[in-house]
């Protein structure tokens, strides 16, 4: 019998490995450990040919194949043995690729089931409980390896920041602090020397947590976020990882836009410079979501930029938001779509936007945008966001001059009353006080007069929203 050519044997094993690994990274790791021929240099060439011939027009599959190519190269650089393959798999895909005891497999199945429901606003707290139980048990079970525990901490830290938010500011800040501690724990295990990609991923997650902390507590969080993104750039260089490099720069720009240290105008200008630099470096290897993220954040920066022509800055913000919505559609990204509509509404209600005779038209546009966002931010699923938008909507009704004044006042009162059950005296004392002041004004003041100054209302969480990482 004539033996088949070596090249065919490598190709066949390569296809079998990719098929297994793309279905289950855990199975793929086992297959690679028993077929060490795949770590040979010849495999790189075969995989590169496979990508070129069959995956160039399929971004998701192409990216997965490139990840497996990087994995093979990493395993070979680590020595090519079974332990090297284990570490290379962890470096690319995280700790879940390791073998786990049966009790943890059951939790993993439950988490996957909840994710498949595609109702994150309904399942968040159930998933948090599962992850907390998993961490508590895993830390007592010697069979669970440290990298699995790191992965559990990163997943819990990420989930704690997602919507819906806790029902009080105090609980929200505590959740963010817990998220920060989770990612710090992961970084004790995912070091840059041993697992550089997981290190960079964990630094990004930690930076996002610090960003949330800065918004929620009006504190130092943004400085820490910038430092974390800078640490991740040690791994994600522009030459090798343009997509990640680009996204990291727009994340840095997002943090500079809210940074309290230093000159405010200079911070905004640096924010815009980061975003525009990221936008100009986009290429074919960058995902559409990255481009949308940059435009989203540019809209945020220009919406608060006070230097120069304010009307022009606001027009720029609207243009960037609309560009982002070409990717962040209602069907595929409902949360981000609603978030942009909230931001557009906030721009339309500003005095600088209106030319003579256009003020009421823009206020009606703001109302339409807020009401559009409320189709996503429903009271039963997103109570905090729902209540926040009701307050914003009430404010717009009060600003309207045209039409029946009493009708505008009644609509504002209705919106304020819808917000009060969420922004209660105990959970959100500052917001509750501001709302109650406005209700009292509507009830007691002559309706032909307007208040000279509306009580300030500080949105609890909406300014913290960031586009999800893909």
Protein backbone atom coordinates (compact mmCIF):
# COMPACT_ATOMS: atom_id res chain seq x y z
CA UNK A 1 0.00 0.00 0.00
CA UNK A 2 1.26 3.46 -0.91
CA UNK A 3 1.22 5.90 1.96
CA UNK A 4 -0.58 9.21 1.22
CA UNK A 5 1.57 12.31 0.91
CA UNK A 6 2.48 14.00 4.15
CA UNK A 7 0.86 17.23 2.96
CA UNK A 8 -2.51 15.51 2.58
CA UNK A 9 -2.20 13.94 6.04
CA UNK A 10 -1.53 17.35 7.61
CA UNK A 11 -4.41 18.93 5.69
CA UNK A 12 -6.82 16.21 6.78
CA UNK A 13 -5.88 16.50 10.44
CA UNK A 14 -6.01 20.28 10.19
CA UNK A 15 -9.59 20.22 8.90
CA UNK A 16 -10.66 17.73 11.59
CA UNK A 17 -9.01 19.86 14.29
CA UNK A 18 -10.63 23.09 13.09
CA UNK A 19 -14.02 21.38 12.91
CA UNK A 20 -13.73 20.15 16.50
CA UNK A 21 -12.21 23.31 17.90
CA UNK A 22 -14.74 25.69 16.38
CA UNK A 23 -17.52 23.64 17.95
CA UNK A 24 -15.78 23.19 21.31
CA UNK A 25 -12.44 24.72 22.25
CA UNK A 26 -12.13 22.07 24.95
CA UNK A 27 -12.45 19.24 22.39
CA UNK A 28 -10.11 21.08 20.05
CA UNK A 29 -7.44 21.26 22.75
CA UNK A 30 -7.68 17.52 23.35
CA UNK A 31 -7.44 16.78 19.62
CA UNK A 32 -4.38 18.99 19.22
CA UNK A 33 -2.69 17.33 22.21
CA UNK A 34 -3.02 13.93 20.52
CA UNK A 35 -2.01 15.15 17.05
CA UNK A 36 1.20 17.02 17.67
CA UNK A 37 2.07 16.96 13.96
CA UNK A 38 -0.19 20.01 13.67
CA UNK A 39 2.38 22.16 15.46
CA UNK A 40 4.80 21.74 12.54
CA UNK A 41 5.58 24.77 10.35
CA UNK A 42 3.91 23.01 7.43
CA UNK A 43 0.53 23.40 9.14
CA UNK A 44 0.83 27.20 9.10
CA UNK A 45 1.12 27.16 5.32
CA UNK A 46 -1.86 24.81 4.96
CA UNK A 47 -4.02 26.92 7.25
CA UNK A 48 -3.01 30.12 5.44
CA UNK A 49 -4.02 28.49 2.12
CA UNK A 50 -7.32 27.40 3.64
CA UNK A 51 -8.07 30.93 4.86
CA UNK A 52 -7.21 32.42 1.49
CA UNK A 53 -9.27 29.91 -0.49
CA UNK A 54 -12.40 29.59 1.67
CA UNK A 55 -12.72 32.30 4.32
CA UNK A 56 -11.75 35.66 2.86
CA UNK A 57 -15.37 36.75 2.41
CA UNK A 58 -16.61 35.31 5.71
CA UNK A 59 -15.33 37.59 8.48
CA UNK A 60 -16.36 35.44 11.46
CA UNK A 61 -14.87 32.22 10.09
CA UNK A 62 -11.77 34.05 8.85
CA UNK A 63 -11.19 35.59 12.28
CA UNK A 64 -11.60 32.20 13.96
CA UNK A 65 -9.09 30.63 11.58
CA UNK A 66 -6.60 33.43 12.22
CA UNK A 67 -7.01 32.81 15.94
CA UNK A 68 -6.16 29.13 15.42
CA UNK A 69 -3.17 30.06 13.31
CA UNK A 70 -1.93 32.32 16.12
CA UNK A 71 -2.57 29.48 18.56
CA UNK A 72 -0.38 27.05 16.58
CA UNK A 73 2.42 29.57 16.37
CA UNK A 74 2.15 30.33 20.08
CA UNK A 75 2.19 26.62 21.01
CA UNK A 76 5.28 26.08 18.90
CA UNK A 77 7.03 29.06 20.48
CA UNK A 78 6.22 27.67 23.93
CA UNK A 79 7.87 24.35 23.09
CA UNK A 80 5.28 22.41 21.13
CA UNK A 81 4.50 19.92 23.92
CA UNK A 82 1.15 19.21 25.57
CA UNK A 83 1.64 21.87 28.25
CA UNK A 84 2.54 24.40 25.56
CA UNK A 85 -0.68 23.59 23.70
CA UNK A 86 -2.67 23.98 26.93
CA UNK A 87 -1.18 27.41 27.63
CA UNK A 88 -1.59 28.53 24.01
CA UNK A 89 -5.27 27.59 24.09
CA UNK A 90 -5.79 29.50 27.34
CA UNK A 91 -3.94 32.51 25.96
CA UNK A 92 -6.26 32.71 22.95
CA UNK A 93 -9.60 31.44 24.31
CA UNK A 94 -9.44 31.68 28.11
CA UNK A 95 -9.74 29.28 31.01
CA UNK A 96 -13.00 27.62 29.98
CA UNK A 97 -11.07 25.37 27.57
CA UNK A 98 -9.72 23.36 30.53
CA UNK A 99 -11.38 20.24 31.90
CA UNK A 100 -13.82 20.92 34.74
CA UNK A 101 -15.61 18.75 37.33
CA UNK A 102 -19.20 17.64 36.73
CA UNK A 103 -20.75 20.18 39.12
CA UNK A 104 -19.13 23.02 37.22
CA UNK A 105 -20.19 21.48 33.89
CA UNK A 106 -23.79 21.72 35.10
CA UNK A 107 -23.35 25.42 35.91
CA UNK A 108 -21.73 25.95 32.52
CA UNK A 109 -24.74 24.32 30.83
CA UNK A 110 -27.13 26.50 32.82
CA UNK A 111 -25.22 29.64 31.81
CA UNK A 112 -25.26 28.63 28.15
CA UNK A 113 -28.98 27.97 28.34
CA UNK A 114 -29.67 31.41 29.82
CA UNK A 115 -27.49 33.05 27.17
CA UNK A 116 -29.39 31.25 24.40
CA UNK A 117 -32.64 32.80 25.62
CA UNK A 118 -31.31 36.14 24.32
CA UNK A 119 -33.03 38.04 27.12
CA UNK A 120 -30.10 39.49 29.07
CA UNK A 121 -32.33 41.99 30.88
CA UNK A 122 -34.38 39.06 32.25
CA UNK A 123 -31.57 36.64 33.02
CA UNK A 124 -28.79 38.88 34.35
CA UNK A 125 -29.34 38.30 38.05
CA UNK A 126 -29.79 34.54 37.61
CA UNK A 127 -26.48 34.42 35.76
CA UNK A 128 -24.80 36.48 38.48
CA UNK A 129 -25.96 34.00 41.12
CA UNK A 130 -24.66 31.07 39.07
CA UNK A 131 -21.25 32.68 38.62
CA UNK A 132 -20.99 33.64 42.28
CA UNK A 133 -21.83 30.06 43.30
CA UNK A 134 -19.30 28.73 40.77
CA UNK A 135 -16.53 30.95 42.16
CA UNK A 136 -17.32 30.04 45.77
CA UNK A 137 -17.28 26.30 45.06
CA UNK A 138 -14.33 26.47 42.64
CA UNK A 139 -12.09 28.10 45.21
CA UNK A 140 -12.71 25.11 47.49
CA UNK A 141 -12.25 22.43 44.82
CA UNK A 142 -8.65 21.53 43.99
CA UNK A 143 -9.75 20.01 40.66
CA UNK A 144 -10.63 23.47 39.31
CA UNK A 145 -7.54 25.08 37.82
CA UNK A 146 -6.64 28.70 38.52
CA UNK A 147 -7.23 29.79 34.91
CA UNK A 148 -10.85 28.58 35.13
CA UNK A 149 -11.31 30.67 38.27
CA UNK A 150 -9.81 33.68 36.44
CA UNK A 151 -12.32 33.21 33.64
CA UNK A 152 -15.21 33.00 36.10
CA UNK A 153 -14.09 36.27 37.70
CA UNK A 154 -13.85 38.04 34.35
CA UNK A 155 -17.32 36.84 33.34
CA UNK A 156 -18.83 37.94 36.64
CA UNK A 157 -17.07 41.31 36.50
CA UNK A 158 -18.41 41.93 32.99
CA UNK A 159 -21.94 40.86 33.88
CA UNK A 160 -22.10 43.12 36.94
CA UNK A 161 -21.77 46.18 34.67
CA UNK A 162 -24.45 45.17 32.21
CA UNK A 163 -28.06 46.34 32.21
CA UNK A 164 -30.39 46.37 33.96
CA UNK A 165 -28.64 48.27 36.74
CA UNK A 166 -29.29 47.79 40.48
CA UNK A 167 -32.20 49.75 41.92
CA UNK A 168 -30.17 52.22 43.97
CA UNK A 169 -27.03 54.28 43.43
CA UNK A 170 -25.37 52.67 46.46
CA UNK A 171 -25.98 49.16 45.10
CA UNK A 172 -24.76 50.25 41.68
CA UNK A 173 -21.47 51.55 43.04
CA UNK A 174 -21.01 48.38 45.09
CA UNK A 175 -21.57 46.29 41.95
CA UNK A 176 -18.92 48.30 40.09
CA UNK A 177 -16.45 47.88 42.95
CA UNK A 178 -17.09 44.15 42.90
CA UNK A 179 -16.50 44.15 39.13
CA UNK A 180 -13.17 45.93 39.62
CA UNK A 181 -12.11 43.35 42.21
CA UNK A 182 -13.12 40.51 39.90
CA UNK A 183 -10.91 41.73 37.05
CA UNK A 184 -8.02 42.41 39.43
CA UNK A 185 -8.29 38.80 40.63
CA UNK A 186 -8.18 37.58 37.03
CA UNK A 187 -5.06 39.67 36.41
CA UNK A 188 -3.30 37.90 39.29
CA UNK A 189 -3.57 34.74 37.16
CA UNK A 190 -3.55 36.11 33.60
CA UNK A 191 -0.11 37.72 33.69
CA UNK A 192 1.42 39.43 30.67
CA UNK A 193 4.37 37.04 30.68
CA UNK A 194 2.33 33.85 30.57
CA UNK A 195 -0.98 34.82 28.96
CA UNK A 196 -0.50 38.16 27.15
CA UNK A 197 -3.83 38.10 25.27
CA UNK A 198 -5.87 37.27 28.37
CA UNK A 199 -3.88 39.91 30.24
CA UNK A 200 -4.83 42.53 27.64
CA UNK A 201 -8.46 41.41 27.65
CA UNK A 202 -8.59 41.64 31.46
CA UNK A 203 -7.00 45.10 31.41
CA UNK A 204 -9.65 46.30 28.97
CA UNK A 205 -12.43 44.89 31.16
CA UNK A 206 -10.85 46.52 34.21
CA UNK A 207 -10.62 49.82 32.33
CA UNK A 208 -14.32 49.66 31.45
CA UNK A 209 -15.15 48.95 35.10
CA UNK A 210 -13.12 51.97 36.22
CA UNK A 211 -14.89 54.07 33.58
CA UNK A 212 -18.24 53.09 35.07
CA UNK A 213 -16.93 53.89 38.54
CA UNK A 214 -15.89 57.36 37.44
CA UNK A 215 -19.38 58.10 36.10
CA UNK A 216 -21.25 56.65 39.07
CA UNK A 217 -19.12 58.14 41.85
CA UNK A 218 -17.75 61.33 40.21
CA UNK A 219 -14.23 60.21 41.16
CA UNK A 220 -10.83 59.10 39.89
CA UNK A 221 -12.08 56.22 37.75
CA UNK A 222 -11.26 57.75 34.38
CA UNK A 223 -7.55 58.11 35.19
CA UNK A 224 -7.39 54.43 36.11
CA UNK A 225 -9.32 53.48 32.97
CA UNK A 226 -6.81 55.31 30.76
CA UNK A 227 -3.94 53.50 32.51
CA UNK A 228 -5.60 50.12 31.93
CA UNK A 229 -6.13 50.79 28.22
CA UNK A 230 -2.51 51.89 27.94
CA UNK A 231 -1.38 48.63 29.56
CA UNK A 232 -3.44 46.63 27.05
CA UNK A 233 -1.69 48.47 24.20
CA UNK A 234 1.53 46.69 25.23
CA UNK A 235 -0.04 43.59 23.68
CA UNK A 236 -2.34 45.01 21.02
CA UNK A 237 0.05 46.88 18.75
CA UNK A 238 -1.22 48.71 15.69
CA UNK A 239 0.82 46.58 13.28
CA UNK A 240 -0.32 43.16 14.54
CA UNK A 241 -3.78 43.91 15.97
CA UNK A 242 -5.24 46.94 14.17
CA UNK A 243 -8.83 46.26 15.23
CA UNK A 244 -8.04 45.98 18.95
CA UNK A 245 -5.57 48.88 18.78
CA UNK A 246 -8.17 51.09 17.14
CA UNK A 247 -10.85 50.22 19.67
CA UNK A 248 -8.50 50.83 22.59
CA UNK A 249 -7.78 54.33 21.33
CA UNK A 250 -11.46 55.18 21.09
CA UNK A 251 -11.95 53.81 24.62
CA UNK A 252 -9.17 56.11 25.78
CA UNK A 253 -10.86 58.99 24.00
CA UNK A 254 -14.10 58.14 25.75
CA UNK A 255 -12.36 58.34 29.14
CA UNK A 256 -10.66 61.66 28.30
CA UNK A 257 -14.06 63.15 27.43
CA UNK A 258 -15.19 62.61 31.03
CA UNK A 259 -11.85 63.17 32.77
CA UNK A 260 -12.01 65.74 35.58
CA UNK A 261 -8.26 66.32 36.04
CA UNK A 262 -6.67 69.03 33.91
CA UNK A 263 -8.26 71.58 31.60
CA UNK A 264 -11.73 70.56 30.41
CA UNK A 265 -11.33 71.87 26.88
CA UNK A 266 -7.95 70.18 26.48
CA UNK A 267 -9.40 66.88 27.67
CA UNK A 268 -12.18 67.06 25.09
CA UNK A 269 -9.71 67.96 22.36
CA UNK A 270 -7.53 65.00 23.33
CA UNK A 271 -10.63 62.82 23.32
CA UNK A 272 -11.51 63.90 19.80
CA UNK A 273 -7.89 63.39 18.69
CA UNK A 274 -7.96 59.78 19.97
CA UNK A 275 -11.24 59.07 18.18
CA UNK A 276 -10.22 60.70 14.91
CA UNK A 277 -6.85 58.94 15.02
CA UNK A 278 -8.66 55.64 15.44
CA UNK A 279 -11.10 56.50 12.64
CA UNK A 280 -8.31 57.36 10.21
CA UNK A 281 -6.50 54.06 10.88
CA UNK A 282 -9.50 51.85 10.10
CA UNK A 283 -8.75 49.23 7.47
CA UNK A 284 -10.30 46.05 6.08
CA UNK A 285 -9.19 44.00 9.08
CA UNK A 286 -11.26 46.18 11.43
CA UNK A 287 -14.83 45.11 12.11
CA UNK A 288 -17.86 47.29 11.28
CA UNK A 289 -18.64 47.32 15.00
CA UNK A 290 -15.31 49.00 15.70
CA UNK A 291 -16.11 51.75 13.19
CA UNK A 292 -19.54 52.18 14.78
CA UNK A 293 -17.95 52.38 18.23
CA UNK A 294 -15.64 55.19 17.09
CA UNK A 295 -18.49 57.18 15.55
CA UNK A 296 -20.60 56.62 18.65
CA UNK A 297 -17.85 57.98 20.91
CA UNK A 298 -17.08 60.87 18.55
CA UNK A 299 -20.71 61.88 18.86
CA UNK A 300 -20.31 61.89 22.65
CA UNK A 301 -17.18 64.04 22.48
CA UNK A 302 -18.58 66.65 20.07
CA UNK A 303 -21.85 66.86 22.01
CA UNK A 304 -19.99 68.28 25.04
CA UNK A 305 -17.30 70.25 23.15
CA UNK A 306 -17.69 73.93 24.04
CA UNK A 307 -14.85 75.47 22.02
CA UNK A 308 -15.52 77.13 18.68
CA UNK A 309 -18.93 77.15 17.02
CA UNK A 310 -21.25 75.29 19.40
CA UNK A 311 -23.94 74.73 16.74
CA UNK A 312 -21.34 73.20 14.42
CA UNK A 313 -20.11 70.90 17.18
CA UNK A 314 -23.63 69.67 17.86
CA UNK A 315 -24.23 69.12 14.15
CA UNK A 316 -21.03 67.05 14.04
CA UNK A 317 -22.28 64.98 16.99
CA UNK A 318 -25.59 64.27 15.23
CA UNK A 319 -23.77 63.25 12.04
CA UNK A 320 -21.51 60.82 13.90
CA UNK A 321 -24.44 59.28 15.80
CA UNK A 322 -26.33 58.75 12.56
CA UNK A 323 -23.28 57.11 11.00
CA UNK A 324 -23.01 54.76 13.99
CA UNK A 325 -26.67 53.79 13.60
CA UNK A 326 -25.98 52.36 10.15
CA UNK A 327 -24.32 49.48 12.01
CA UNK A 328 -26.03 49.75 15.41
CA UNK A 329 -29.48 48.98 14.09
CA UNK A 330 -32.59 48.45 16.19
CA UNK A 331 -32.75 44.79 15.19
CA UNK A 332 -29.12 43.85 15.89
CA UNK A 333 -28.14 46.31 18.65
CA UNK A 334 -31.36 47.48 20.33
CA UNK A 335 -29.66 48.75 23.49
CA UNK A 336 -27.08 50.84 21.61
CA UNK A 337 -29.76 52.04 19.17
CA UNK A 338 -31.85 53.30 22.08
CA UNK A 339 -28.77 54.83 23.69
CA UNK A 340 -28.06 56.89 20.57
CA UNK A 341 -31.67 58.08 20.47
CA UNK A 342 -31.33 59.35 24.04
CA UNK A 343 -28.23 61.27 23.03
CA UNK A 344 -29.87 62.71 19.90
CA UNK A 345 -32.82 63.87 21.97
CA UNK A 346 -30.49 65.62 24.41
CA UNK A 347 -28.92 67.50 21.49
CA UNK A 348 -32.23 68.47 19.86
CA UNK A 349 -33.45 70.09 23.06
CA UNK A 350 -30.45 72.43 23.36
CA UNK A 351 -30.97 76.11 22.52
CA UNK A 352 -27.90 76.27 20.27
CA UNK A 353 -29.46 73.84 17.78
CA UNK A 354 -32.50 75.93 16.89
CA UNK A 355 -32.62 78.60 14.24
CA UNK A 356 -35.48 81.12 14.45
CA UNK A 357 -38.83 79.33 14.27
CA UNK A 358 -37.33 75.84 14.63
CA UNK A 359 -37.30 75.51 18.41
CA UNK A 360 -40.58 73.65 18.80
CA UNK A 361 -39.84 71.38 15.84
CA UNK A 362 -36.56 70.27 17.44
CA UNK A 363 -38.26 69.75 20.81
CA UNK A 364 -40.81 67.51 19.11
CA UNK A 365 -37.91 65.61 17.51
CA UNK A 366 -36.44 65.17 20.99
CA UNK A 367 -39.76 63.77 22.21
CA UNK A 368 -39.87 61.30 19.32
CA UNK A 369 -36.31 60.16 20.10
CA UNK A 370 -37.02 59.68 23.81
CA UNK A 371 -40.23 57.79 23.07
CA UNK A 372 -38.33 55.61 20.60
CA UNK A 373 -35.78 54.77 23.30
CA UNK A 374 -38.62 53.83 25.67
CA UNK A 375 -39.63 51.01 23.32
CA UNK A 376 -36.38 49.35 24.41
CA UNK A 377 -35.99 50.76 27.92
CA UNK A 378 -39.24 49.34 29.24
CA UNK A 379 -40.17 49.77 32.89
CA UNK A 380 -40.25 46.04 33.56
CA UNK A 381 -36.85 45.33 31.98
CA UNK A 382 -34.79 48.53 32.41
CA UNK A 383 -36.38 50.46 35.31
CA UNK A 384 -33.48 52.89 35.85
CA UNK A 385 -33.15 53.86 32.22
CA UNK A 386 -36.94 54.01 31.87
CA UNK A 387 -37.24 56.43 34.79
CA UNK A 388 -34.31 58.55 33.62
CA UNK A 389 -35.85 59.01 30.18
CA UNK A 390 -39.21 59.89 31.72
CA UNK A 391 -37.51 62.74 33.61
CA UNK A 392 -35.75 63.92 30.46
CA UNK A 393 -39.03 63.71 28.55
CA UNK A 394 -40.81 65.75 31.18
CA UNK A 395 -38.17 68.45 30.89
CA UNK A 396 -38.71 68.69 27.12
CA UNK A 397 -42.47 69.04 27.57
CA UNK A 398 -41.84 71.92 29.98
CA UNK A 399 -39.61 73.65 27.44
CA UNK A 400 -42.30 73.74 24.76
CA UNK A 401 -43.88 77.16 24.10
CA UNK A 402 -46.17 76.43 21.17
CA UNK A 403 -49.51 74.66 21.51
CA UNK A 404 -51.61 74.23 24.63
CA UNK A 405 -49.46 75.10 27.63
CA UNK A 406 -51.67 73.19 30.06
CA UNK A 407 -51.31 70.07 27.93
CA UNK A 408 -47.52 70.33 28.05
CA UNK A 409 -47.63 70.73 31.83
CA UNK A 410 -49.92 67.72 32.22
CA UNK A 411 -47.63 65.59 30.06
CA UNK A 412 -44.62 66.66 32.10
CA UNK A 413 -46.43 65.81 35.33
CA UNK A 414 -47.32 62.35 33.99
CA UNK A 415 -43.68 61.68 33.09
CA UNK A 416 -42.40 62.82 36.48
CA UNK A 417 -44.90 60.60 38.29
CA UNK A 418 -43.83 57.59 36.21
CA UNK A 419 -40.23 58.16 37.33
CA UNK A 420 -40.91 58.54 41.06
CA UNK A 421 -41.43 54.84 41.93
CA UNK A 422 -37.92 54.11 40.64
CA UNK A 423 -36.20 57.30 41.85
CA UNK A 424 -37.48 56.89 45.37
CA UNK A 425 -36.40 58.98 48.34
CA UNK A 426 -34.39 56.09 49.75
CA UNK A 427 -32.76 54.72 46.59
CA UNK A 428 -32.00 57.99 44.74
CA UNK A 429 -32.41 60.89 47.18
CA UNK A 430 -30.91 63.57 44.92
CA UNK A 431 -32.96 62.58 41.88
CA UNK A 432 -36.09 62.18 44.00
CA UNK A 433 -35.65 65.68 45.43
CA UNK A 434 -35.24 67.24 41.96
CA UNK A 435 -38.33 65.48 40.62
CA UNK A 436 -40.41 66.43 43.63
CA UNK A 437 -39.38 70.07 43.24
CA UNK A 438 -40.65 70.08 39.67
CA UNK A 439 -43.92 68.39 40.60
CA UNK A 440 -44.45 70.98 43.34
CA UNK A 441 -43.72 73.80 40.90
CA UNK A 442 -46.24 72.48 38.35
CA UNK A 443 -48.89 72.12 41.04
CA UNK A 444 -48.39 75.50 42.72
CA UNK A 445 -47.11 78.04 40.18
CA UNK A 446 -49.29 80.04 37.76
CA UNK A 447 -49.30 78.12 34.53
CA UNK A 448 -48.63 81.15 32.37
CA UNK A 449 -45.16 81.49 33.92
CA UNK A 450 -42.08 79.34 33.40
CA UNK A 451 -39.42 78.64 36.01
CA UNK A 452 -36.29 80.70 35.48
CA UNK A 453 -34.08 77.74 36.36
CA UNK A 454 -35.11 74.11 36.25
CA UNK A 455 -33.73 72.04 39.15
CA UNK A 456 -30.71 70.11 37.91
CA UNK A 457 -31.14 66.41 37.33
CA UNK A 458 -28.07 64.18 37.25
CA UNK A 459 -28.68 61.05 35.21
CA UNK A 460 -27.58 58.08 37.32
CA UNK A 461 -26.10 55.80 34.72
CA UNK A 462 -26.86 56.66 31.10
CA UNK A 463 -23.66 58.62 30.46
CA UNK A 464 -21.74 55.47 31.37
CA UNK A 465 -22.99 53.42 28.45
CA UNK A 466 -20.36 52.10 26.07
CA UNK A 467 -20.79 50.06 22.93
CA UNK A 468 -20.27 46.39 23.64
CA UNK A 469 -17.08 44.70 22.59
CA UNK A 470 -17.51 42.10 19.91
